[in-house]
Amino acid sequence: MKEFILKGISFVFHPLIMPLLGVLFYFSKTPRFIPEPIRYAKIFSICILTIVLPILLFFLLKTINKVNSIYLKSTKERLIPLFINSIIIALILIRVLRPDEIIELYYFFLGILISTLTCLILAILKIKASIHMIAACGFFMFAIALSIHYHININGTIALMAIIIGAIATSRLHLKAHTSQELILGMFTGLLPQLILLNYWL
């Protein structure tokens, strides 16, 4: 039962869903008026580009034996997916989330791109960083930044997210997917780009 729950945590909070969660969180908290058609168009585009497209590409890579599992356990397996994901995020920044439209989301995704490229460089150097922690901690920092930016109280949400991050870390350790050092490296790789980019929009 314990094994099932921990595997479930890793699956439910997979890195692929974190960008979409960030977008949904932003639209649920921003006091700015953004017409519903624009909101839905952005959400739909992000969903297709960050979840559906990567899943389809994963199955393609698995078919040609470039990856073995969706968790990308080895640094070699990570190279192509991380490179492709970097291109997808760059495309989102160019075509979907321009800085003159929604600056907060633009810099959130710029932070994601920096984290992804950092993870790719580490993989080239045969160093693993937890992608689960990168994604979760990046979202966590963005949520805190939004609460400061809009002066809203989301202490309950932040506490829940901290618990979820702890659960993700526990899951990855228990499943022997990462060492504690890889989790810490992932945490900083996700947090720091978002923190540094606050200077440009907060």
N, C-alpha and C. Protein backbone atom coordinates (compact mmCIF):
# COMPACT_ATOMS: atom_id res chain seq x y z
N MET A 1 0.83 -1.21 0.00
CA MET A 1 0.00 0.00 0.00
C MET A 1 0.86 1.26 0.00
N LYS A 2 1.90 1.24 0.86
CA LYS A 2 2.82 2.37 0.95
C LYS A 2 3.51 2.60 -0.39
N GLU A 3 3.94 1.51 -1.02
CA GLU A 3 4.61 1.60 -2.32
C GLU A 3 3.68 2.19 -3.37
N PHE A 4 2.43 1.77 -3.34
CA PHE A 4 1.43 2.26 -4.29
C PHE A 4 1.21 3.76 -4.11
N ILE A 5 1.10 4.21 -2.86
CA ILE A 5 0.86 5.63 -2.58
C ILE A 5 2.03 6.48 -3.05
N LEU A 6 3.26 6.02 -2.77
CA LEU A 6 4.44 6.79 -3.14
C LEU A 6 4.62 6.84 -4.66
N LYS A 7 4.31 5.74 -5.34
CA LYS A 7 4.35 5.75 -6.80
C LYS A 7 3.27 6.68 -7.35
N GLY A 8 2.12 6.67 -6.69
CA GLY A 8 1.02 7.54 -7.10
C GLY A 8 1.39 9.02 -6.98
N ILE A 9 2.12 9.37 -5.92
CA ILE A 9 2.55 10.76 -5.73
C ILE A 9 3.47 11.19 -6.87
N SER A 10 4.42 10.32 -7.23
CA SER A 10 5.35 10.63 -8.32
C SER A 10 4.61 10.79 -9.64
N PHE A 11 3.55 10.00 -9.83
CA PHE A 11 2.79 10.05 -11.08
C PHE A 11 1.88 11.27 -11.13
N VAL A 12 1.12 11.48 -10.05
CA VAL A 12 0.14 12.58 -10.02
C VAL A 12 0.83 13.94 -10.13
N PHE A 13 1.98 14.07 -9.46
CA PHE A 13 2.70 15.35 -9.49
C PHE A 13 3.89 15.27 -10.44
N HIS A 14 3.63 14.68 -11.60
CA HIS A 14 4.67 14.57 -12.62
C HIS A 14 5.05 15.97 -13.12
N PRO A 15 6.32 16.19 -13.45
CA PRO A 15 6.78 17.52 -13.91
C PRO A 15 5.99 18.09 -15.09
N LEU A 16 5.41 17.23 -15.92
CA LEU A 16 4.69 17.72 -17.09
C LEU A 16 3.49 18.60 -16.73
N ILE A 17 2.88 18.35 -15.57
CA ILE A 17 1.66 19.10 -15.24
C ILE A 17 1.95 20.43 -14.55
N MET A 18 3.18 20.62 -14.07
CA MET A 18 3.48 21.81 -13.28
C MET A 18 3.33 23.14 -14.05
N PRO A 19 3.79 23.24 -15.31
CA PRO A 19 3.56 24.50 -16.03
C PRO A 19 2.08 24.85 -16.16
N LEU A 20 1.25 23.85 -16.46
CA LEU A 20 -0.19 24.09 -16.57
C LEU A 20 -0.77 24.51 -15.22
N LEU A 21 -0.32 23.88 -14.13
CA LEU A 21 -0.79 24.27 -12.80
C LEU A 21 -0.42 25.72 -12.50
N GLY A 22 0.78 26.13 -12.93
CA GLY A 22 1.19 27.51 -12.74
C GLY A 22 0.28 28.48 -13.47
N VAL A 23 -0.10 28.14 -14.70
CA VAL A 23 -1.00 28.98 -15.49
C VAL A 23 -2.38 29.04 -14.85
N LEU A 24 -2.91 27.90 -14.44
CA LEU A 24 -4.22 27.86 -13.79
C LEU A 24 -4.22 28.64 -12.48
N PHE A 25 -3.13 28.50 -11.73
CA PHE A 25 -3.01 29.23 -10.46
C PHE A 25 -2.98 30.73 -10.71
N TYR A 26 -2.25 31.14 -11.73
CA TYR A 26 -2.16 32.57 -12.06
C TYR A 26 -3.54 33.12 -12.41
N PHE A 27 -4.26 32.44 -13.29
CA PHE A 27 -5.56 32.95 -13.71
C PHE A 27 -6.58 32.93 -12.57
N SER A 28 -6.39 32.06 -11.59
CA SER A 28 -7.32 31.99 -10.46
C SER A 28 -7.04 33.09 -9.43
N LYS A 29 -5.83 33.67 -9.46
CA LYS A 29 -5.45 34.64 -8.43
C LYS A 29 -5.29 36.07 -8.95
N THR A 30 -5.01 36.24 -10.23
CA THR A 30 -4.74 37.58 -10.73
C THR A 30 -5.97 38.48 -10.67
N PRO A 31 -5.80 39.71 -10.20
CA PRO A 31 -6.93 40.66 -10.21
C PRO A 31 -7.08 41.37 -11.55
N ARG A 32 -6.12 41.14 -12.45
CA ARG A 32 -6.18 41.78 -13.77
C ARG A 32 -7.37 41.24 -14.57
N PHE A 33 -7.96 42.12 -15.36
CA PHE A 33 -9.04 41.66 -16.23
C PHE A 33 -8.44 41.06 -17.49
N ILE A 34 -8.68 39.78 -17.68
CA ILE A 34 -8.25 39.09 -18.88
C ILE A 34 -9.48 38.39 -19.45
N PRO A 35 -9.92 38.76 -20.65
CA PRO A 35 -11.14 38.16 -21.22
C PRO A 35 -11.08 36.63 -21.21
N GLU A 36 -12.22 36.03 -20.94
CA GLU A 36 -12.27 34.56 -20.85
C GLU A 36 -11.77 33.86 -22.11
N PRO A 37 -12.12 34.34 -23.31
CA PRO A 37 -11.60 33.66 -24.51
C PRO A 37 -10.07 33.60 -24.54
N ILE A 38 -9.43 34.67 -24.07
CA ILE A 38 -7.96 34.70 -24.04
C ILE A 38 -7.44 33.72 -23.00
N ARG A 39 -8.08 33.70 -21.81
CA ARG A 39 -7.69 32.74 -20.77
C ARG A 39 -7.77 31.31 -21.28
N TYR A 40 -8.91 30.97 -21.88
CA TYR A 40 -9.11 29.60 -22.36
C TYR A 40 -8.13 29.25 -23.48
N ALA A 41 -7.84 30.23 -24.34
CA ALA A 41 -6.90 29.99 -25.43
C ALA A 41 -5.50 29.71 -24.89
N LYS A 42 -5.09 30.49 -23.89
CA LYS A 42 -3.77 30.28 -23.28
C LYS A 42 -3.70 28.92 -22.59
N ILE A 43 -4.72 28.60 -21.81
CA ILE A 43 -4.75 27.33 -21.08
C ILE A 43 -4.72 26.16 -22.05
N PHE A 44 -5.52 26.24 -23.11
CA PHE A 44 -5.57 25.17 -24.10
C PHE A 44 -4.22 25.00 -24.79
N SER A 45 -3.60 26.12 -25.16
CA SER A 45 -2.30 26.06 -25.84
C SER A 45 -1.24 25.45 -24.94
N ILE A 46 -1.22 25.88 -23.68
CA ILE A 46 -0.23 25.36 -22.72
C ILE A 46 -0.45 23.87 -22.49
N CYS A 47 -1.71 23.47 -22.38
CA CYS A 47 -2.04 22.05 -22.17
C CYS A 47 -1.54 21.20 -23.33
N ILE A 48 -1.78 21.65 -24.54
CA ILE A 48 -1.35 20.90 -25.72
C ILE A 48 0.17 20.82 -25.81
N LEU A 49 0.83 21.97 -25.58
CA LEU A 49 2.27 22.04 -25.80
C LEU A 49 3.09 21.44 -24.66
N THR A 50 2.60 21.51 -23.42
CA THR A 50 3.41 21.03 -22.31
C THR A 50 3.00 19.64 -21.79
N ILE A 51 1.83 19.16 -22.20
CA ILE A 51 1.40 17.83 -21.74
C ILE A 51 1.17 16.87 -22.90
N VAL A 52 0.26 17.23 -23.79
CA VAL A 52 -0.11 16.31 -24.87
C VAL A 52 1.06 16.05 -25.82
N LEU A 53 1.70 17.12 -26.30
CA LEU A 53 2.82 16.96 -27.24
C LEU A 53 3.99 16.18 -26.63
N PRO A 54 4.44 16.51 -25.40
CA PRO A 54 5.52 15.71 -24.81
C PRO A 54 5.18 14.24 -24.62
N ILE A 55 3.92 13.94 -24.28
CA ILE A 55 3.52 12.53 -24.13
C ILE A 55 3.60 11.80 -25.46
N LEU A 56 3.11 12.45 -26.53
CA LEU A 56 3.18 11.84 -27.85
C LEU A 56 4.63 11.63 -28.28
N LEU A 57 5.48 12.61 -28.01
CA LEU A 57 6.89 12.50 -28.36
C LEU A 57 7.58 11.43 -27.52
N PHE A 58 7.14 11.27 -26.26
CA PHE A 58 7.70 10.22 -25.41
C PHE A 58 7.44 8.84 -26.01
N PHE A 59 6.20 8.62 -26.45
CA PHE A 59 5.88 7.32 -27.04
C PHE A 59 6.67 7.09 -28.33
N LEU A 60 6.91 8.16 -29.07
CA LEU A 60 7.73 8.05 -30.26
C LEU A 60 9.16 7.66 -29.88
N LEU A 61 9.71 8.31 -28.87
CA LEU A 61 11.08 8.01 -28.42
C LEU A 61 11.17 6.60 -27.83
N LYS A 62 10.11 6.19 -27.16
CA LYS A 62 10.11 4.83 -26.60
C LYS A 62 10.05 3.79 -27.71
N THR A 63 9.32 4.09 -28.76
CA THR A 63 9.21 3.17 -29.90
C THR A 63 10.56 2.95 -30.57
N ILE A 64 11.36 4.01 -30.63
CA ILE A 64 12.68 3.87 -31.27
C ILE A 64 13.78 3.61 -30.24
N ASN A 65 13.35 3.23 -29.02
CA ASN A 65 14.29 2.81 -27.95
C ASN A 65 15.26 3.90 -27.50
N LYS A 66 14.78 5.13 -27.47
CA LYS A 66 15.60 6.22 -26.96
C LYS A 66 15.35 6.48 -25.47
N VAL A 67 14.18 6.07 -24.98
CA VAL A 67 13.87 6.17 -23.56
C VAL A 67 13.19 4.86 -23.12
N ASN A 68 13.29 4.58 -21.81
CA ASN A 68 12.69 3.36 -21.28
C ASN A 68 11.43 3.62 -20.46
N SER A 69 11.41 4.74 -19.74
CA SER A 69 10.23 5.05 -18.92
C SER A 69 10.00 6.55 -18.89
N ILE A 70 8.81 6.93 -18.46
CA ILE A 70 8.44 8.34 -18.41
C ILE A 70 9.22 9.09 -17.34
N TYR A 71 9.89 8.36 -16.44
CA TYR A 71 10.64 8.99 -15.36
C TYR A 71 12.08 9.33 -15.75
N LEU A 72 12.52 8.90 -16.94
CA LEU A 72 13.86 9.24 -17.46
C LEU A 72 14.94 9.02 -16.40
N LYS A 73 15.15 7.75 -16.08
CA LYS A 73 16.00 7.41 -14.93
C LYS A 73 17.48 7.68 -15.14
N SER A 74 17.96 7.58 -16.35
CA SER A 74 19.39 7.79 -16.60
C SER A 74 19.64 9.14 -17.27
N THR A 75 20.86 9.66 -17.11
CA THR A 75 21.19 10.95 -17.75
C THR A 75 21.14 10.84 -19.26
N LYS A 76 21.49 9.68 -19.80
CA LYS A 76 21.47 9.48 -21.26
C LYS A 76 20.04 9.58 -21.80
N GLU A 77 19.09 9.00 -21.06
CA GLU A 77 17.68 9.06 -21.48
C GLU A 77 17.15 10.49 -21.48
N ARG A 78 17.72 11.33 -20.64
CA ARG A 78 17.20 12.68 -20.46
C ARG A 78 17.55 13.64 -21.60
N LEU A 79 18.61 13.36 -22.31
CA LEU A 79 19.15 14.33 -23.26
C LEU A 79 18.14 14.78 -24.31
N ILE A 80 17.58 13.83 -25.04
CA ILE A 80 16.65 14.19 -26.12
C ILE A 80 15.36 14.82 -25.57
N PRO A 81 14.71 14.21 -24.55
CA PRO A 81 13.48 14.83 -24.03
C PRO A 81 13.71 16.25 -23.49
N LEU A 82 14.81 16.48 -22.80
CA LEU A 82 15.08 17.82 -22.26
C LEU A 82 15.35 18.82 -23.38
N PHE A 83 16.04 18.38 -24.42
CA PHE A 83 16.30 19.25 -25.57
C PHE A 83 14.98 19.62 -26.26
N ILE A 84 14.14 18.61 -26.46
CA ILE A 84 12.84 18.86 -27.10
C ILE A 84 11.98 19.78 -26.24
N ASN A 85 11.99 19.53 -24.92
CA ASN A 85 11.19 20.36 -24.02
C ASN A 85 11.67 21.80 -24.01
N SER A 86 12.97 22.00 -24.14
CA SER A 86 13.52 23.36 -24.21
C SER A 86 12.98 24.08 -25.44
N ILE A 87 12.91 23.37 -26.56
CA ILE A 87 12.37 23.96 -27.79
C ILE A 87 10.89 24.31 -27.62
N ILE A 88 10.14 23.40 -26.96
CA ILE A 88 8.71 23.64 -26.74
C ILE A 88 8.49 24.87 -25.86
N ILE A 89 9.26 24.98 -24.78
CA ILE A 89 9.11 26.13 -23.88
C ILE A 89 9.50 27.43 -24.60
N ALA A 90 10.55 27.37 -25.41
CA ALA A 90 10.96 28.54 -26.19
C ALA A 90 9.85 28.95 -27.16
N LEU A 91 9.20 27.97 -27.76
CA LEU A 91 8.09 28.24 -28.68
C LEU A 91 6.93 28.91 -27.93
N ILE A 92 6.66 28.45 -26.71
CA ILE A 92 5.60 29.06 -25.90
C ILE A 92 5.93 30.53 -25.61
N LEU A 93 7.19 30.81 -25.30
CA LEU A 93 7.60 32.17 -24.99
C LEU A 93 7.48 33.09 -26.21
N ILE A 94 7.72 32.52 -27.39
CA ILE A 94 7.69 33.32 -28.61
C ILE A 94 6.26 33.52 -29.13
N ARG A 95 5.45 32.46 -29.07
CA ARG A 95 4.14 32.49 -29.74
C ARG A 95 2.93 32.59 -28.80
N VAL A 96 3.06 32.12 -27.56
CA VAL A 96 1.88 32.03 -26.69
C VAL A 96 1.88 33.06 -25.57
N LEU A 97 3.03 33.25 -24.92
CA LEU A 97 3.09 34.11 -23.73
C LEU A 97 4.11 35.23 -23.93
N ARG A 98 3.79 36.17 -24.78
CA ARG A 98 4.71 37.28 -25.02
C ARG A 98 4.72 38.23 -23.80
N PRO A 99 5.86 38.87 -23.52
CA PRO A 99 5.95 39.72 -22.32
C PRO A 99 5.03 40.93 -22.34
N ASP A 100 4.61 41.38 -23.52
CA ASP A 100 3.71 42.54 -23.59
C ASP A 100 2.26 42.16 -23.29
N GLU A 101 1.97 40.85 -23.13
CA GLU A 101 0.61 40.41 -22.84
C GLU A 101 0.45 40.05 -21.36
N ILE A 102 1.14 39.01 -20.92
CA ILE A 102 1.04 38.55 -19.52
C ILE A 102 2.46 38.36 -19.01
N ILE A 103 3.00 39.43 -18.45
CA ILE A 103 4.42 39.44 -18.10
C ILE A 103 4.77 38.42 -17.02
N GLU A 104 3.84 38.19 -16.07
CA GLU A 104 4.11 37.24 -14.98
C GLU A 104 4.32 35.82 -15.53
N LEU A 105 3.42 35.41 -16.42
CA LEU A 105 3.54 34.07 -16.99
C LEU A 105 4.73 33.98 -17.93
N TYR A 106 5.05 35.06 -18.61
CA TYR A 106 6.22 35.06 -19.49
C TYR A 106 7.48 34.74 -18.70
N TYR A 107 7.66 35.41 -17.56
CA TYR A 107 8.87 35.18 -16.77
C TYR A 107 8.82 33.85 -16.02
N PHE A 108 7.61 33.38 -15.70
CA PHE A 108 7.48 32.03 -15.12
C PHE A 108 8.01 31.00 -16.10
N PHE A 109 7.61 31.11 -17.35
CA PHE A 109 8.06 30.14 -18.36
C PHE A 109 9.52 30.38 -18.76
N LEU A 110 9.98 31.61 -18.68
CA LEU A 110 11.41 31.85 -18.92
C LEU A 110 12.23 31.16 -17.83
N GLY A 111 11.74 31.19 -16.60
CA GLY A 111 12.39 30.47 -15.51
C GLY A 111 12.38 28.96 -15.76
N ILE A 112 11.26 28.46 -16.28
CA ILE A 112 11.18 27.03 -16.62
C ILE A 112 12.20 26.68 -17.69
N LEU A 113 12.34 27.55 -18.69
CA LEU A 113 13.32 27.31 -19.76
C LEU A 113 14.74 27.27 -19.20
N ILE A 114 15.07 28.21 -18.32
CA ILE A 114 16.41 28.23 -17.73
C ILE A 114 16.66 26.97 -16.90
N SER A 115 15.66 26.56 -16.12
CA SER A 115 15.78 25.34 -15.32
C SER A 115 15.97 24.11 -16.21
N THR A 116 15.20 24.06 -17.31
CA THR A 116 15.29 22.93 -18.24
C THR A 116 16.66 22.86 -18.90
N LEU A 117 17.16 24.01 -19.34
CA LEU A 117 18.48 24.06 -19.97
C LEU A 117 19.58 23.69 -18.97
N THR A 118 19.42 24.13 -17.72
CA THR A 118 20.38 23.77 -16.66
C THR A 118 20.39 22.27 -16.44
N CYS A 119 19.18 21.69 -16.39
CA CYS A 119 19.06 20.24 -16.22
C CYS A 119 19.68 19.50 -17.40
N LEU A 120 19.51 20.04 -18.60
CA LEU A 120 20.09 19.44 -19.80
C LEU A 120 21.62 19.48 -19.73
N ILE A 121 22.17 20.62 -19.33
CA ILE A 121 23.63 20.74 -19.20
C ILE A 121 24.16 19.75 -18.15
N LEU A 122 23.44 19.63 -17.04
CA LEU A 122 23.84 18.67 -16.00
C LEU A 122 23.80 17.25 -16.53
N ALA A 123 22.78 16.94 -17.34
CA ALA A 123 22.67 15.59 -17.92
C ALA A 123 23.83 15.31 -18.88
N ILE A 124 24.21 16.32 -19.64
CA ILE A 124 25.36 16.17 -20.55
C ILE A 124 26.62 15.87 -19.74
N LEU A 125 26.71 16.49 -18.54
CA LEU A 125 27.85 16.26 -17.65
C LEU A 125 27.68 15.00 -16.80
N LYS A 126 26.59 14.24 -17.11
CA LYS A 126 26.26 13.00 -16.41
C LYS A 126 25.94 13.23 -14.93
N ILE A 127 25.29 14.36 -14.67
CA ILE A 127 24.84 14.69 -13.31
C ILE A 127 23.31 14.71 -13.32
N LYS A 128 22.70 13.97 -12.40
CA LYS A 128 21.24 13.93 -12.33
C LYS A 128 20.73 14.94 -11.31
N ALA A 129 19.71 15.67 -11.72
CA ALA A 129 18.96 16.51 -10.79
C ALA A 129 17.51 16.07 -10.89
N SER A 130 16.82 16.04 -9.78
CA SER A 130 15.43 15.58 -9.79
C SER A 130 14.54 16.54 -10.56
N ILE A 131 14.00 16.07 -11.68
CA ILE A 131 13.11 16.90 -12.49
C ILE A 131 11.79 17.15 -11.74
N HIS A 132 11.37 16.17 -10.94
CA HIS A 132 10.18 16.37 -10.11
C HIS A 132 10.36 17.58 -9.18
N MET A 133 11.53 17.65 -8.54
CA MET A 133 11.79 18.75 -7.61
C MET A 133 11.97 20.07 -8.35
N ILE A 134 12.60 20.02 -9.52
CA ILE A 134 12.76 21.24 -10.32
C ILE A 134 11.40 21.85 -10.63
N ALA A 135 10.48 21.03 -11.12
CA ALA A 135 9.16 21.51 -11.52
C ALA A 135 8.34 21.99 -10.32
N ALA A 136 8.32 21.19 -9.26
CA ALA A 136 7.50 21.52 -8.09
C ALA A 136 8.02 22.77 -7.38
N CYS A 137 9.34 22.89 -7.24
CA CYS A 137 9.91 24.05 -6.54
C CYS A 137 9.81 25.32 -7.38
N GLY A 138 9.90 25.19 -8.70
CA GLY A 138 9.70 26.35 -9.56
C GLY A 138 8.29 26.90 -9.43
N PHE A 139 7.31 26.01 -9.43
CA PHE A 139 5.91 26.40 -9.24
C PHE A 139 5.71 27.02 -7.86
N PHE A 140 6.33 26.43 -6.85
CA PHE A 140 6.23 26.90 -5.47
C PHE A 140 6.73 28.35 -5.36
N MET A 141 7.88 28.63 -5.96
CA MET A 141 8.45 29.98 -5.91
C MET A 141 7.57 30.97 -6.66
N PHE A 142 7.01 30.55 -7.78
CA PHE A 142 6.12 31.41 -8.57
C PHE A 142 4.87 31.75 -7.77
N ALA A 143 4.32 30.79 -7.05
CA ALA A 143 3.12 31.03 -6.25
C ALA A 143 3.40 32.03 -5.14
N ILE A 144 4.54 31.88 -4.48
CA ILE A 144 4.92 32.83 -3.43
C ILE A 144 5.07 34.23 -4.01
N ALA A 145 5.72 34.32 -5.18
CA ALA A 145 5.93 35.61 -5.84
C ALA A 145 4.59 36.28 -6.18
N LEU A 146 3.64 35.48 -6.67
CA LEU A 146 2.33 36.04 -7.00
C LEU A 146 1.62 36.58 -5.77
N SER A 147 1.74 35.86 -4.65
CA SER A 147 1.09 36.31 -3.42
C SER A 147 1.67 37.65 -2.96
N ILE A 148 2.98 37.84 -3.15
CA ILE A 148 3.62 39.12 -2.80
C ILE A 148 3.21 40.20 -3.80
N HIS A 149 3.22 39.84 -5.08
CA HIS A 149 2.93 40.79 -6.15
C HIS A 149 1.51 41.37 -6.03
N TYR A 150 0.56 40.49 -5.72
CA TYR A 150 -0.84 40.93 -5.67
C TYR A 150 -1.34 41.16 -4.24
N HIS A 151 -0.45 41.01 -3.26
CA HIS A 151 -0.80 41.22 -1.85
C HIS A 151 -2.00 40.37 -1.44
N ILE A 152 -1.91 39.08 -1.76
CA ILE A 152 -2.99 38.16 -1.39
C ILE A 152 -2.45 37.12 -0.41
N ASN A 153 -3.34 36.70 0.47
CA ASN A 153 -2.96 35.71 1.49
C ASN A 153 -3.24 34.31 0.97
N ILE A 154 -2.17 33.57 0.67
CA ILE A 154 -2.32 32.18 0.23
C ILE A 154 -1.50 31.26 1.13
N ASN A 155 -1.47 31.60 2.43
CA ASN A 155 -0.66 30.82 3.37
C ASN A 155 -1.07 29.34 3.38
N GLY A 156 -2.38 29.11 3.30
CA GLY A 156 -2.86 27.72 3.28
C GLY A 156 -2.35 26.98 2.06
N THR A 157 -2.40 27.65 0.90
CA THR A 157 -1.92 27.05 -0.34
C THR A 157 -0.43 26.77 -0.28
N ILE A 158 0.33 27.74 0.25
CA ILE A 158 1.78 27.59 0.36
C ILE A 158 2.13 26.43 1.29
N ALA A 159 1.40 26.33 2.42
CA ALA A 159 1.64 25.22 3.35
C ALA A 159 1.35 23.87 2.68
N LEU A 160 0.24 23.81 1.93
CA LEU A 160 -0.12 22.58 1.23
C LEU A 160 0.95 22.22 0.19
N MET A 161 1.42 23.22 -0.53
CA MET A 161 2.44 22.97 -1.55
C MET A 161 3.75 22.49 -0.91
N ALA A 162 4.10 23.05 0.25
CA ALA A 162 5.31 22.61 0.96
C ALA A 162 5.19 21.14 1.36
N ILE A 163 3.99 20.76 1.80
CA ILE A 163 3.74 19.35 2.17
C ILE A 163 3.86 18.46 0.94
N ILE A 164 3.31 18.92 -0.18
CA ILE A 164 3.37 18.14 -1.43
C ILE A 164 4.82 17.97 -1.89
N ILE A 165 5.61 19.06 -1.79
CA ILE A 165 7.03 18.96 -2.17
C ILE A 165 7.75 17.95 -1.29
N GLY A 166 7.43 17.96 0.01
CA GLY A 166 8.01 16.98 0.92
C GLY A 166 7.61 15.56 0.55
N ALA A 167 6.33 15.41 0.16
CA ALA A 167 5.85 14.09 -0.25
C ALA A 167 6.53 13.61 -1.52
N ILE A 168 6.75 14.54 -2.46
CA ILE A 168 7.44 14.19 -3.71
C ILE A 168 8.86 13.75 -3.42
N ALA A 169 9.56 14.50 -2.57
CA ALA A 169 10.94 14.16 -2.21
C ALA A 169 11.00 12.79 -1.53
N THR A 170 10.06 12.55 -0.61
CA THR A 170 10.00 11.26 0.08
C THR A 170 9.75 10.13 -0.91
N SER A 171 8.84 10.36 -1.84
CA SER A 171 8.51 9.36 -2.85
C SER A 171 9.73 9.01 -3.69
N ARG A 172 10.44 10.04 -4.16
CA ARG A 172 11.60 9.80 -5.03
C ARG A 172 12.72 9.08 -4.29
N LEU A 173 12.88 9.41 -3.00
CA LEU A 173 13.91 8.73 -2.20
C LEU A 173 13.53 7.28 -1.95
N HIS A 174 12.27 7.06 -1.57
CA HIS A 174 11.82 5.70 -1.25
C HIS A 174 11.89 4.78 -2.47
N LEU A 175 11.56 5.35 -3.63
CA LEU A 175 11.58 4.55 -4.86
C LEU A 175 13.00 4.41 -5.44
N LYS A 176 13.96 5.02 -4.70
CA LYS A 176 15.38 4.98 -5.11
C LYS A 176 15.60 5.58 -6.50
N ALA A 177 14.76 6.55 -6.84
CA ALA A 177 14.90 7.24 -8.13
C ALA A 177 16.00 8.30 -8.05
N HIS A 178 16.23 8.83 -6.82
CA HIS A 178 17.23 9.87 -6.63
C HIS A 178 17.88 9.74 -5.27
N THR A 179 19.05 10.34 -5.15
CA THR A 179 19.70 10.49 -3.85
C THR A 179 19.25 11.83 -3.27
N SER A 180 19.55 12.04 -2.00
CA SER A 180 19.17 13.31 -1.38
C SER A 180 19.89 14.48 -2.05
N GLN A 181 21.15 14.25 -2.49
CA GLN A 181 21.89 15.32 -3.18
C GLN A 181 21.21 15.71 -4.50
N GLU A 182 20.70 14.71 -5.22
CA GLU A 182 20.01 14.99 -6.49
C GLU A 182 18.71 15.75 -6.26
N LEU A 183 18.04 15.46 -5.14
CA LEU A 183 16.82 16.18 -4.81
C LEU A 183 17.12 17.64 -4.47
N ILE A 184 18.18 17.86 -3.69
CA ILE A 184 18.58 19.22 -3.31
C ILE A 184 19.01 20.01 -4.55
N LEU A 185 19.76 19.35 -5.43
CA LEU A 185 20.19 20.00 -6.68
C LEU A 185 18.97 20.38 -7.51
N GLY A 186 17.99 19.49 -7.58
CA GLY A 186 16.76 19.78 -8.31
C GLY A 186 15.99 20.94 -7.69
N MET A 187 15.95 20.98 -6.36
CA MET A 187 15.25 22.05 -5.67
C MET A 187 15.84 23.42 -6.04
N PHE A 188 17.16 23.54 -5.98
CA PHE A 188 17.80 24.82 -6.30
C PHE A 188 17.71 25.15 -7.79
N THR A 189 17.76 24.12 -8.63
CA THR A 189 17.64 24.35 -10.08
C THR A 189 16.26 24.88 -10.44
N GLY A 190 15.24 24.49 -9.68
CA GLY A 190 13.88 24.99 -9.91
C GLY A 190 13.64 26.35 -9.27
N LEU A 191 14.17 26.55 -8.05
CA LEU A 191 13.91 27.77 -7.30
C LEU A 191 14.67 28.99 -7.82
N LEU A 192 15.96 28.81 -8.05
CA LEU A 192 16.83 29.97 -8.31
C LEU A 192 16.45 30.77 -9.56
N PRO A 193 16.16 30.12 -10.72
CA PRO A 193 15.77 30.94 -11.87
C PRO A 193 14.53 31.78 -11.62
N GLN A 194 13.53 31.19 -10.95
CA GLN A 194 12.32 31.95 -10.64
C GLN A 194 12.64 33.10 -9.69
N LEU A 195 13.51 32.84 -8.73
CA LEU A 195 13.88 33.87 -7.76
C LEU A 195 14.64 35.01 -8.42
N ILE A 196 15.59 34.69 -9.28
CA ILE A 196 16.39 35.70 -9.96
C ILE A 196 15.53 36.56 -10.89
N LEU A 197 14.58 35.92 -11.57
CA LEU A 197 13.75 36.65 -12.54
C LEU A 197 12.70 37.55 -11.88
N LEU A 198 12.53 37.43 -10.58
CA LEU A 198 11.58 38.31 -9.88
C LEU A 198 11.95 39.77 -10.06
N ASN A 199 13.24 40.06 -10.22
CA ASN A 199 13.70 41.43 -10.40
C ASN A 199 13.08 42.10 -11.63
N TYR A 200 12.60 41.28 -12.58
CA TYR A 200 12.11 41.84 -13.84
C TYR A 200 10.60 42.04 -13.87
N TRP A 201 9.88 41.46 -12.90
CA TRP A 201 8.42 41.66 -12.95
C TRP A 201 7.76 41.91 -11.60
N LEU A 202 8.43 41.59 -10.51
CA LEU A 202 7.77 41.75 -9.20
C LEU A 202 7.76 43.22 -8.79
